[in-house]
N, C-alpha and C. Protein backbone atom coordinates (compact mmCIF):
# COMPACT_ATOMS: atom_id res chain seq x y z
N MET A 1 -12.04 -59.84 -51.78
CA MET A 1 -11.89 -60.79 -50.52
C MET A 1 -11.27 -59.73 -49.55
N ARG A 2 -11.52 -59.93 -48.00
CA ARG A 2 -10.81 -59.35 -47.05
C ARG A 2 -9.86 -59.67 -46.27
N ALA A 3 -8.87 -58.60 -45.96
CA ALA A 3 -7.73 -59.27 -45.47
C ALA A 3 -8.04 -59.67 -44.17
N SER A 4 -7.11 -60.68 -43.35
CA SER A 4 -7.25 -61.10 -41.95
C SER A 4 -6.34 -61.49 -41.75
N GLY A 5 -5.89 -61.63 -40.38
CA GLY A 5 -4.72 -61.62 -39.47
C GLY A 5 -4.40 -60.39 -38.97
N PRO A 6 -3.41 -60.49 -38.17
CA PRO A 6 -2.91 -59.17 -37.52
C PRO A 6 -3.13 -57.79 -37.86
N ALA A 7 -2.53 -57.65 -39.24
CA ALA A 7 -2.72 -56.76 -39.87
C ALA A 7 -3.89 -56.11 -40.10
N ALA A 8 -4.95 -56.83 -40.20
CA ALA A 8 -6.30 -56.44 -40.57
C ALA A 8 -6.91 -55.92 -39.19
N ARG A 9 -6.51 -56.51 -38.10
CA ARG A 9 -7.34 -56.16 -37.29
C ARG A 9 -6.50 -54.99 -36.23
N ARG A 10 -5.12 -54.37 -36.93
CA ARG A 10 -4.73 -53.59 -36.44
C ARG A 10 -5.05 -52.17 -37.19
N ALA A 11 -5.68 -52.06 -38.22
CA ALA A 11 -6.09 -51.34 -39.08
C ALA A 11 -7.05 -50.24 -38.71
N PRO A 12 -8.33 -50.71 -37.75
CA PRO A 12 -9.15 -49.70 -37.57
C PRO A 12 -8.52 -49.04 -36.17
N VAL A 13 -7.46 -49.64 -35.36
CA VAL A 13 -7.26 -48.78 -34.21
C VAL A 13 -6.30 -48.04 -34.85
N VAL A 14 -5.55 -48.33 -35.77
CA VAL A 14 -4.82 -47.36 -36.30
C VAL A 14 -5.54 -46.18 -37.02
N ALA A 15 -6.56 -46.55 -37.40
CA ALA A 15 -7.61 -45.28 -37.99
C ALA A 15 -7.92 -44.26 -37.11
N ILE A 16 -8.12 -44.86 -35.95
CA ILE A 16 -8.82 -44.28 -34.78
C ILE A 16 -8.03 -43.20 -34.24
N MET A 17 -6.71 -43.76 -34.08
CA MET A 17 -5.68 -43.10 -33.31
C MET A 17 -5.14 -42.03 -34.57
N MET A 18 -5.13 -42.17 -35.86
CA MET A 18 -4.96 -41.03 -36.90
C MET A 18 -5.93 -40.18 -36.93
N ILE A 19 -7.28 -40.59 -36.51
CA ILE A 19 -8.68 -39.53 -36.47
C ILE A 19 -8.16 -38.63 -34.80
N ALA A 20 -7.82 -39.28 -33.85
CA ALA A 20 -7.77 -38.48 -32.93
C ALA A 20 -6.65 -37.75 -32.84
N VAL A 21 -5.42 -38.15 -33.27
CA VAL A 21 -4.71 -36.91 -33.50
C VAL A 21 -4.81 -36.18 -34.36
N ALA A 22 -5.44 -36.22 -35.28
CA ALA A 22 -5.96 -34.95 -36.35
C ALA A 22 -7.10 -33.91 -35.43
N THR A 23 -7.77 -34.73 -34.77
CA THR A 23 -8.90 -33.78 -34.26
C THR A 23 -8.11 -33.09 -32.96
N ALA A 24 -7.25 -33.43 -32.53
CA ALA A 24 -6.38 -32.63 -31.48
C ALA A 24 -5.62 -31.91 -31.84
N ALA A 25 -4.93 -32.09 -33.02
CA ALA A 25 -3.88 -31.06 -33.51
C ALA A 25 -4.61 -30.05 -34.34
N SER A 26 -6.35 -30.27 -34.96
CA SER A 26 -6.98 -29.00 -34.86
C SER A 26 -7.49 -27.99 -34.21
N GLY A 27 -7.68 -28.62 -32.92
CA GLY A 27 -8.13 -27.74 -31.82
C GLY A 27 -6.91 -26.95 -31.19
N CYS A 28 -5.53 -27.32 -31.34
CA CYS A 28 -4.75 -26.40 -30.73
C CYS A 28 -4.22 -25.40 -31.71
N LYS A 29 -4.51 -24.36 -31.02
CA LYS A 29 -4.18 -22.98 -31.62
C LYS A 29 -2.97 -22.15 -31.11
N ARG A 30 -1.95 -21.65 -32.21
CA ARG A 30 -1.00 -21.15 -31.51
C ARG A 30 -0.92 -19.95 -30.80
N THR A 31 -0.51 -19.93 -29.70
CA THR A 31 -0.98 -18.75 -28.82
C THR A 31 0.00 -17.68 -28.53
N ALA A 32 0.11 -16.34 -28.45
CA ALA A 32 1.23 -15.65 -28.53
C ALA A 32 1.78 -15.61 -26.89
N ALA A 33 2.68 -15.74 -26.65
CA ALA A 33 3.03 -15.38 -25.16
C ALA A 33 2.66 -14.34 -24.69
N PRO A 34 2.10 -14.29 -23.44
CA PRO A 34 1.56 -13.17 -22.55
C PRO A 34 2.89 -11.86 -22.77
N ALA A 35 2.07 -10.90 -22.84
CA ALA A 35 3.07 -9.36 -22.77
C ALA A 35 3.59 -9.49 -21.56
N ALA A 36 5.04 -9.11 -21.27
CA ALA A 36 5.43 -8.77 -20.21
C ALA A 36 4.95 -7.33 -19.54
N PRO A 37 4.45 -7.52 -18.17
CA PRO A 37 4.24 -6.14 -17.28
C PRO A 37 5.06 -5.07 -17.62
N PRO A 38 4.41 -3.80 -17.75
CA PRO A 38 5.45 -2.53 -17.85
C PRO A 38 6.78 -2.69 -16.82
N PRO A 39 7.45 -1.83 -17.03
CA PRO A 39 8.68 -1.81 -16.28
C PRO A 39 8.10 -0.94 -15.04
N GLY A 40 8.45 -1.63 -13.76
CA GLY A 40 8.12 -0.85 -12.50
C GLY A 40 7.16 -1.73 -11.92
N GLN A 41 6.09 -2.63 -12.66
CA GLN A 41 5.05 -3.17 -12.21
C GLN A 41 5.41 -4.55 -11.34
N GLU A 42 4.72 -5.41 -11.05
CA GLU A 42 4.87 -6.91 -10.73
C GLU A 42 5.23 -7.40 -11.81
N ARG A 43 6.31 -8.07 -11.33
CA ARG A 43 6.73 -9.37 -12.62
C ARG A 43 7.23 -8.40 -13.46
N GLY A 44 7.37 -7.52 -13.96
CA GLY A 44 7.97 -6.55 -15.02
C GLY A 44 9.65 -5.98 -14.79
N ASP A 45 10.12 -5.68 -15.82
CA ASP A 45 11.50 -5.39 -15.39
C ASP A 45 11.41 -4.34 -14.47
N CYS A 46 12.42 -4.08 -13.65
CA CYS A 46 12.91 -3.16 -13.14
C CYS A 46 13.28 -1.72 -13.60
N ARG A 47 12.52 -0.37 -12.99
CA ARG A 47 12.91 0.96 -14.16
C ARG A 47 14.23 0.92 -14.01
N GLY A 48 14.65 2.20 -15.46
CA GLY A 48 16.24 2.32 -15.34
C GLY A 48 16.68 2.58 -14.26
N ASP A 49 16.31 3.30 -13.26
CA ASP A 49 16.66 3.90 -12.02
C ASP A 49 16.98 2.98 -10.96
N GLY A 50 16.46 1.62 -11.25
CA GLY A 50 16.52 0.39 -10.43
C GLY A 50 15.24 0.46 -9.55
N GLY A 51 14.57 1.17 -10.00
CA GLY A 51 13.06 1.22 -8.83
C GLY A 51 11.91 0.60 -9.43
N CYS A 52 10.92 0.35 -8.45
CA CYS A 52 9.51 -0.36 -8.86
C CYS A 52 8.29 0.49 -8.30
N ASP A 53 7.25 0.01 -8.39
CA ASP A 53 6.01 0.40 -8.00
C ASP A 53 6.17 0.60 -6.31
N PRO A 54 5.23 1.33 -5.69
CA PRO A 54 5.21 0.98 -4.03
C PRO A 54 4.75 -0.48 -3.84
N GLY A 55 5.46 -0.98 -2.74
CA GLY A 55 5.26 -2.48 -2.23
C GLY A 55 5.97 -3.16 -3.19
N LEU A 56 6.93 -3.14 -4.20
CA LEU A 56 7.63 -3.74 -5.00
C LEU A 56 9.25 -3.62 -4.64
N GLU A 57 9.92 -4.55 -4.85
CA GLU A 57 11.44 -4.47 -4.70
C GLU A 57 11.98 -4.97 -5.98
N CYS A 58 13.35 -4.13 -6.48
CA CYS A 58 13.93 -5.10 -7.50
C CYS A 58 14.78 -5.89 -7.21
N ARG A 59 14.67 -7.27 -7.77
CA ARG A 59 15.61 -8.22 -7.29
C ARG A 59 15.83 -9.02 -8.72
N SER A 60 17.43 -9.28 -8.85
CA SER A 60 17.66 -9.64 -10.46
C SER A 60 17.07 -8.97 -11.44
N ASN A 61 16.86 -7.61 -11.38
CA ASN A 61 16.22 -6.87 -12.23
C ASN A 61 14.45 -7.38 -12.76
N LEU A 62 13.89 -7.80 -11.64
CA LEU A 62 12.82 -7.76 -11.74
C LEU A 62 11.81 -7.41 -10.52
N CYS A 63 10.77 -6.87 -10.69
CA CYS A 63 10.09 -6.12 -9.54
C CYS A 63 8.92 -7.43 -9.14
N VAL A 64 9.38 -7.68 -7.78
CA VAL A 64 8.60 -8.71 -7.21
C VAL A 64 8.39 -7.91 -5.88
N ARG A 65 7.15 -8.78 -5.15
CA ARG A 65 6.34 -8.44 -4.18
C ARG A 65 7.30 -9.36 -2.86
N PRO A 66 8.07 -8.39 -1.91
CA PRO A 66 8.60 -8.94 -0.45
C PRO A 66 7.74 -9.76 0.33
N PRO A 67 8.13 -10.36 1.03
CA PRO A 67 7.35 -11.23 1.91
C PRO A 67 6.47 -10.08 2.64
N PRO A 68 5.28 -10.01 3.23
CA PRO A 68 4.79 -9.15 4.03
C PRO A 68 4.87 -9.03 5.23
N ALA A 69 4.64 -7.73 5.75
CA ALA A 69 5.00 -7.22 7.27
C ALA A 69 3.99 -7.89 8.08
N ASP A 70 4.12 -7.80 9.34
CA ASP A 70 3.04 -8.24 10.41
C ASP A 70 2.31 -7.10 10.67
N CYS A 71 1.38 -7.13 9.76
CA CYS A 71 0.45 -5.75 10.09
C CYS A 71 -0.27 -5.85 11.49
N GLY A 72 -0.52 -6.95 12.14
CA GLY A 72 -1.02 -6.95 13.08
C GLY A 72 -0.04 -6.64 14.30
N ALA A 73 1.05 -6.84 14.46
CA ALA A 73 1.99 -6.75 15.11
C ALA A 73 2.58 -4.95 15.10
N ILE A 74 2.80 -4.38 13.96
CA ILE A 74 2.82 -3.39 13.59
C ILE A 74 1.53 -2.37 14.26
N ALA A 75 0.51 -2.54 14.01
CA ALA A 75 -0.62 -1.85 14.38
C ALA A 75 -0.48 -1.96 16.24
N ARG A 76 -0.48 -2.96 16.79
CA ARG A 76 -0.07 -3.04 18.22
C ARG A 76 0.82 -1.67 18.74
N GLU A 77 2.28 -1.88 17.85
CA GLU A 77 3.22 -1.33 18.56
C GLU A 77 2.76 0.20 18.11
N LEU A 78 2.25 0.57 16.96
CA LEU A 78 2.19 1.94 16.62
C LEU A 78 0.96 2.32 17.61
N SER A 79 0.02 1.72 18.19
CA SER A 79 -0.92 2.03 19.10
C SER A 79 0.00 2.84 20.36
N TYR A 80 0.93 2.09 20.84
CA TYR A 80 1.93 2.60 21.94
C TYR A 80 2.51 3.85 21.72
N VAL A 81 2.99 4.14 20.29
CA VAL A 81 3.49 5.21 19.93
C VAL A 81 3.02 6.59 19.59
N LEU A 82 1.45 6.17 19.04
CA LEU A 82 0.80 7.44 18.77
C LEU A 82 -0.62 7.95 19.85
N LEU A 83 -1.06 7.02 20.52
CA LEU A 83 -1.95 7.52 21.60
C LEU A 83 -1.27 7.21 22.59
N ASP A 84 -1.74 8.10 23.54
CA ASP A 84 -1.57 8.42 25.11
C ASP A 84 -1.71 7.06 25.74
N ASN A 85 -0.96 6.79 26.84
CA ASN A 85 -1.35 5.68 27.88
C ASN A 85 -2.41 5.19 28.30
N TYR A 86 -3.31 6.39 28.23
CA TYR A 86 -4.79 6.33 28.97
C TYR A 86 -5.86 6.52 27.83
N ALA A 87 -5.20 5.89 26.92
CA ALA A 87 -6.37 5.56 25.78
C ALA A 87 -7.49 4.67 26.48
N PRO A 88 -8.79 4.86 26.06
CA PRO A 88 -10.10 3.95 26.39
C PRO A 88 -9.55 2.80 25.31
N HIS A 89 -10.01 1.33 25.91
CA HIS A 89 -9.44 0.56 25.09
C HIS A 89 -10.57 0.33 23.80
N GLU A 90 -11.62 1.07 23.63
CA GLU A 90 -12.58 1.04 22.41
C GLU A 90 -11.49 2.00 21.35
N ARG A 91 -11.09 3.22 22.07
CA ARG A 91 -10.35 3.64 20.68
C ARG A 91 -8.92 3.17 20.27
N ARG A 92 -8.09 2.59 21.50
CA ARG A 92 -7.35 1.65 21.26
C ARG A 92 -7.31 0.63 19.95
N ASP A 93 -8.53 -0.21 20.12
CA ASP A 93 -8.97 -0.95 19.45
C ASP A 93 -9.30 -0.57 18.11
N ALA A 94 -9.94 0.51 18.09
CA ALA A 94 -10.51 1.10 16.82
C ALA A 94 -9.08 1.53 15.90
N PHE A 95 -8.31 2.11 16.87
CA PHE A 95 -6.96 2.37 16.42
C PHE A 95 -6.24 1.30 15.78
N ILE A 96 -6.13 0.10 16.19
CA ILE A 96 -5.54 -1.09 15.80
C ILE A 96 -6.07 -1.57 14.73
N ALA A 97 -7.25 -1.55 14.97
CA ALA A 97 -8.06 -1.89 13.39
C ALA A 97 -7.89 -1.48 12.30
N ALA A 98 -7.96 -0.18 12.55
CA ALA A 98 -7.92 0.64 11.26
C ALA A 98 -6.37 0.78 10.77
N THR A 99 -5.20 1.11 11.59
CA THR A 99 -4.21 0.80 11.07
C THR A 99 -3.57 -0.72 10.58
N ARG A 100 -4.25 -1.70 10.88
CA ARG A 100 -3.84 -3.15 10.36
C ARG A 100 -4.22 -2.96 9.07
N ALA A 101 -5.32 -2.38 8.72
CA ALA A 101 -6.20 -2.27 7.50
C ALA A 101 -5.68 -1.70 6.50
N ARG A 102 -5.21 -0.21 7.09
CA ARG A 102 -4.13 0.66 6.07
C ARG A 102 -2.57 0.16 6.06
N CYS A 103 -2.24 -0.68 6.65
CA CYS A 103 -0.86 -1.66 6.40
C CYS A 103 -1.09 -2.42 5.42
N GLU A 104 -2.36 -3.20 5.31
CA GLU A 104 -2.29 -4.58 4.32
C GLU A 104 -2.77 -3.41 3.22
N ALA A 105 -3.57 -2.33 3.13
CA ALA A 105 -3.85 -1.71 1.84
C ALA A 105 -2.61 -1.23 1.33
N MET A 106 -1.63 -0.80 1.94
CA MET A 106 -0.20 -0.47 1.21
C MET A 106 0.59 -1.46 1.07
N GLN A 107 0.34 -2.82 1.34
CA GLN A 107 1.06 -3.91 1.17
C GLN A 107 2.54 -3.86 1.54
N LEU A 108 2.82 -3.46 2.61
CA LEU A 108 4.17 -3.31 3.20
C LEU A 108 4.79 -4.30 3.29
N GLY A 109 6.09 -4.50 2.95
CA GLY A 109 7.06 -5.58 3.17
C GLY A 109 7.61 -5.74 4.32
N ARG A 110 8.29 -7.08 4.56
CA ARG A 110 8.81 -7.14 6.03
C ARG A 110 9.95 -6.12 6.35
N ASP A 111 10.83 -5.61 5.55
CA ASP A 111 11.67 -4.68 5.64
C ASP A 111 11.18 -3.27 6.23
N ASP A 112 9.58 -2.79 5.66
CA ASP A 112 9.24 -1.87 5.92
C ASP A 112 8.35 -2.06 7.46
N GLY A 113 7.67 -3.30 7.32
CA GLY A 113 7.31 -3.57 9.15
C GLY A 113 8.38 -3.26 9.81
N ALA A 114 9.85 -3.72 9.70
CA ALA A 114 10.93 -3.94 10.83
C ALA A 114 11.08 -2.51 10.76
N CYS A 115 11.16 -1.46 10.01
CA CYS A 115 11.37 0.00 10.36
C CYS A 115 10.08 0.35 11.47
N LEU A 116 9.21 0.05 11.05
CA LEU A 116 7.67 0.83 11.86
C LEU A 116 7.98 -0.18 13.44
N LEU A 117 8.03 -1.35 13.33
CA LEU A 117 8.27 -1.87 14.82
C LEU A 117 9.33 -1.87 15.69
N ALA A 118 10.44 -0.76 14.80
CA ALA A 118 11.71 -0.20 15.78
C ALA A 118 11.43 1.40 16.09
N ALA A 119 10.21 1.84 15.68
CA ALA A 119 9.77 3.15 15.79
C ALA A 119 9.56 3.28 17.39
N ARG A 120 10.05 4.05 18.11
CA ARG A 120 9.58 4.41 19.46
C ARG A 120 9.40 5.96 19.56
N SER A 121 9.23 6.71 18.38
CA SER A 121 8.81 8.17 18.40
C SER A 121 7.97 8.45 16.67
N ARG A 122 7.42 9.96 16.77
CA ARG A 122 6.89 10.16 15.41
C ARG A 122 7.69 10.51 14.49
N ALA A 123 9.16 11.11 15.12
CA ALA A 123 10.22 11.37 14.34
C ALA A 123 10.65 9.79 13.94
N ASP A 124 10.92 8.67 14.79
CA ASP A 124 11.64 7.61 13.94
C ASP A 124 10.41 7.05 12.86
N LEU A 125 9.23 7.13 13.23
CA LEU A 125 8.01 6.62 12.11
C LEU A 125 8.45 7.72 10.78
N ALA A 126 8.48 8.83 10.97
CA ALA A 126 8.93 9.53 9.71
C ALA A 126 9.83 9.47 8.98
N ALA A 127 11.10 8.79 9.46
CA ALA A 127 12.33 8.30 8.76
C ALA A 127 12.22 6.99 8.11
N CYS A 128 11.31 6.33 8.38
CA CYS A 128 10.80 5.08 7.96
C CYS A 128 10.64 5.49 6.25
N PRO A 129 11.06 4.32 5.55
CA PRO A 129 10.54 4.66 3.96
C PRO A 129 9.23 4.71 3.60
N ARG A 130 8.29 3.88 4.45
CA ARG A 130 7.03 3.85 4.07
C ARG A 130 6.29 4.13 5.38
N PRO A 131 6.18 5.50 6.07
CA PRO A 131 5.47 5.67 7.53
C PRO A 131 4.14 5.21 7.42
N LEU A 132 3.53 4.92 8.41
CA LEU A 132 2.38 4.59 8.80
C LEU A 132 1.77 5.27 9.91
N GLY A 133 1.02 5.89 9.88
CA GLY A 133 0.09 6.56 11.23
C GLY A 133 0.32 7.86 11.50
N LEU A 134 1.02 8.64 10.53
CA LEU A 134 1.29 9.91 10.47
C LEU A 134 0.41 10.80 9.33
N GLY A 135 0.32 12.02 9.84
CA GLY A 135 -0.54 12.79 9.09
C GLY A 135 0.72 13.46 8.06
N ASP A 136 -0.27 14.44 7.23
CA ASP A 136 0.37 14.95 6.08
C ASP A 136 0.58 16.66 6.50
N CYS A 137 1.48 17.06 6.73
CA CYS A 137 1.91 18.45 7.04
C CYS A 137 1.10 19.44 5.83
N LYS A 138 1.57 18.92 4.67
CA LYS A 138 1.11 19.76 3.62
C LYS A 138 -0.23 19.87 3.24
N ARG A 139 -1.31 18.98 3.63
CA ARG A 139 -2.45 19.00 3.60
C ARG A 139 -3.34 19.69 4.63
N VAL A 140 -2.58 19.69 6.08
CA VAL A 140 -2.86 20.47 7.22
C VAL A 140 -2.63 21.88 6.94
N THR A 141 -1.51 22.36 6.19
CA THR A 141 -1.20 23.55 6.06
C THR A 141 -2.12 24.03 5.13
N ASP A 142 -2.40 23.45 3.86
CA ASP A 142 -3.27 23.98 2.94
C ASP A 142 -4.40 23.98 3.42
N HIS A 143 -5.02 23.02 4.14
CA HIS A 143 -6.17 23.52 4.70
C HIS A 143 -6.19 24.85 5.65
N LEU A 144 -5.51 25.01 6.42
CA LEU A 144 -5.15 25.94 7.28
C LEU A 144 -5.21 27.27 6.45
N GLU A 145 -4.34 27.33 5.74
CA GLU A 145 -4.26 28.45 4.49
C GLU A 145 -5.53 28.92 4.05
N ALA A 146 -6.29 27.79 3.35
CA ALA A 146 -7.24 28.08 2.69
C ALA A 146 -8.59 28.71 3.85
N MET A 147 -8.27 28.26 4.99
CA MET A 147 -9.18 28.89 6.24
C MET A 147 -9.09 30.36 6.33
N ARG A 148 -7.88 30.62 6.24
CA ARG A 148 -7.08 31.86 6.75
C ARG A 148 -7.82 32.97 5.38
N ALA A 149 -7.57 32.58 4.33
CA ALA A 149 -8.06 33.46 3.37
C ALA A 149 -9.69 33.41 3.19
N THR A 150 -10.66 32.79 3.55
CA THR A 150 -11.86 33.22 3.63
C THR A 150 -12.49 33.60 4.85
N SER A 151 -11.50 33.61 5.82
CA SER A 151 -11.85 33.82 7.23
C SER A 151 -11.69 35.65 7.72
N GLY A 152 -11.09 36.19 6.88
CA GLY A 152 -10.96 37.54 7.18
C GLY A 152 -10.13 37.85 8.18
N VAL A 153 -9.23 36.64 8.80
CA VAL A 153 -8.12 36.93 9.85
C VAL A 153 -7.01 37.94 9.33
N ASP A 154 -6.89 38.59 10.26
CA ASP A 154 -5.80 39.40 10.03
C ASP A 154 -4.28 38.71 9.44
N ALA A 155 -3.59 38.72 8.77
CA ALA A 155 -2.44 37.77 8.25
C ALA A 155 -1.25 38.29 9.26
N TYR A 156 -1.08 39.49 9.77
CA TYR A 156 -0.27 39.51 10.87
C TYR A 156 -0.63 38.76 12.49
N LEU A 157 -1.71 38.46 12.46
CA LEU A 157 -2.37 38.06 13.88
C LEU A 157 -1.82 36.48 13.69
N VAL A 158 -0.84 36.00 14.80
CA VAL A 158 -0.56 34.95 15.23
C VAL A 158 -1.62 34.02 15.84
N THR A 159 -2.06 32.99 15.12
CA THR A 159 -2.96 31.93 15.36
C THR A 159 -2.58 30.52 16.11
N GLU A 160 -3.36 29.89 16.30
CA GLU A 160 -3.22 28.47 16.45
C GLU A 160 -2.74 27.82 15.21
N ALA A 161 -3.32 28.33 14.18
CA ALA A 161 -2.87 27.56 12.79
C ALA A 161 -1.35 28.05 12.54
N ASP A 162 -1.05 29.02 12.66
CA ASP A 162 0.51 29.61 12.66
C ASP A 162 1.41 28.54 13.52
N ARG A 163 0.81 28.26 14.85
CA ARG A 163 1.74 27.29 15.83
C ARG A 163 1.80 26.17 15.07
N ILE A 164 0.64 25.41 14.59
CA ILE A 164 0.53 24.04 13.87
C ILE A 164 1.60 24.12 12.73
N VAL A 165 1.52 24.88 11.87
CA VAL A 165 2.50 25.22 10.82
C VAL A 165 3.86 25.03 11.29
N GLY A 166 4.42 25.93 12.34
CA GLY A 166 5.49 25.52 12.79
C GLY A 166 5.89 24.52 13.51
N ARG A 167 5.11 24.35 14.01
CA ARG A 167 5.34 22.47 14.69
C ARG A 167 5.62 21.51 13.65
N CYS A 168 4.61 21.80 12.43
CA CYS A 168 4.65 20.86 11.12
C CYS A 168 6.00 20.75 10.94
N ARG A 169 6.62 21.81 10.87
CA ARG A 169 8.10 21.76 10.17
C ARG A 169 9.23 21.29 11.23
N SER A 170 8.72 20.63 12.36
CA SER A 170 9.78 20.24 13.00
C SER A 170 9.43 18.87 13.76
N GLU A 171 7.91 18.42 13.85
CA GLU A 171 7.50 17.14 14.16
C GLU A 171 6.54 16.69 13.05
N ALA A 172 6.41 15.33 13.24
CA ALA A 172 5.39 15.11 12.35
C ALA A 172 4.04 14.71 13.01
N PRO A 173 2.86 15.34 12.51
CA PRO A 173 1.65 15.17 13.15
C PRO A 173 0.78 13.72 13.35
N SER A 174 -0.08 13.29 13.88
CA SER A 174 -0.48 11.75 14.09
C SER A 174 -1.68 12.09 12.67
N LEU A 175 -1.85 10.89 12.13
CA LEU A 175 -3.10 10.67 11.26
C LEU A 175 -4.49 11.31 11.96
N ALA A 176 -4.62 11.00 12.79
CA ALA A 176 -5.79 11.49 13.79
C ALA A 176 -6.07 12.84 13.81
N PHE A 177 -4.69 13.53 14.13
CA PHE A 177 -4.44 14.99 13.86
C PHE A 177 -4.84 15.57 12.79
N GLU A 178 -4.00 15.15 11.37
CA GLU A 178 -4.63 15.66 10.34
C GLU A 178 -6.27 15.61 9.90
N GLN A 179 -6.84 14.48 10.20
CA GLN A 179 -8.23 14.06 9.93
C GLN A 179 -9.23 15.21 10.59
N CYS A 180 -8.79 15.43 11.79
CA CYS A 180 -9.15 16.34 12.89
C CYS A 180 -9.43 17.73 12.16
N VAL A 181 -7.88 18.24 11.99
CA VAL A 181 -7.98 19.60 11.23
C VAL A 181 -8.66 19.71 9.90
N LEU A 182 -8.64 18.74 9.08
CA LEU A 182 -9.38 18.79 7.90
C LEU A 182 -10.91 18.80 8.00
N ALA A 183 -11.12 18.35 9.21
CA ALA A 183 -13.05 18.70 9.26
C ALA A 183 -13.30 20.03 9.96
N THR A 184 -12.29 20.74 9.85
CA THR A 184 -12.88 22.26 10.90
C THR A 184 -13.10 22.88 9.98
N ARG A 185 -13.80 24.08 10.28
CA ARG A 185 -14.14 25.04 9.57
C ARG A 185 -14.14 26.55 10.31
N SER A 186 -13.48 26.49 11.60
CA SER A 186 -12.78 27.92 12.19
C SER A 186 -11.63 27.34 12.92
N PHE A 187 -10.63 28.27 13.11
CA PHE A 187 -9.78 28.32 14.04
C PHE A 187 -10.07 27.92 15.47
N GLU A 188 -11.35 28.12 15.87
CA GLU A 188 -11.69 27.79 17.19
C GLU A 188 -11.48 26.29 17.17
N ASP A 189 -12.34 25.61 15.95
CA ASP A 189 -12.36 24.20 16.02
C ASP A 189 -11.16 23.46 15.96
N VAL A 190 -9.86 24.24 15.44
CA VAL A 190 -8.73 23.33 15.28
C VAL A 190 -7.94 23.57 16.70
N GLU A 191 -8.11 24.75 17.32
CA GLU A 191 -7.86 24.75 18.75
C GLU A 191 -8.07 23.40 19.66
N ARG A 192 -9.40 22.50 19.27
CA ARG A 192 -9.89 21.34 19.57
C ARG A 192 -9.05 20.30 19.35
N CYS A 193 -8.37 20.32 18.15
CA CYS A 193 -7.43 18.98 17.66
C CYS A 193 -6.37 18.80 18.62
N ALA A 194 -6.42 17.27 19.18
CA ALA A 194 -5.09 17.00 19.86
C ALA A 194 -3.85 16.81 18.81
N TRP A 195 -2.74 17.05 19.00
CA TRP A 195 -2.09 16.79 18.44
C TRP A 195 -1.12 15.44 18.44
């Protein structure tokens, strides 16, 4: 004899619910929590010295990305610092586009950007924690020394290269100057590079 009444009607519903719970429980797997990033990397702990990878800041012992710099404004301002007043519009536009792209690639933060926006000279730019638009004197010097070694130029002869090396010690060359020098193959070519 079959049971009747409310209990009999609830039995199929209860059975269906039990099957659903069992199915859901069997599909769940315990997953391990994702490993924390290594110290210094984004969302990882700060290193022992309180530092983080470039572009990150240590806040509450966690490396985080600060608010981004306004790369468009930085690129425009640097064009006035690093290009002369009579630079053709095409050259200025190309400089601004390249500098903006470099700024974004470096992932500069708002504090980095504030320093760059306040700069009024190459020396000011060189004093910023993460300078932009400046050349690397070591690369320039290394290239000139390598050229001297293979050119047979008398080591005691003062050349334009020597003047550049001396100037690098007191001034910061532009990135365009560095690129020009690195493309040269003779000291005569170096003389055509504008500081």
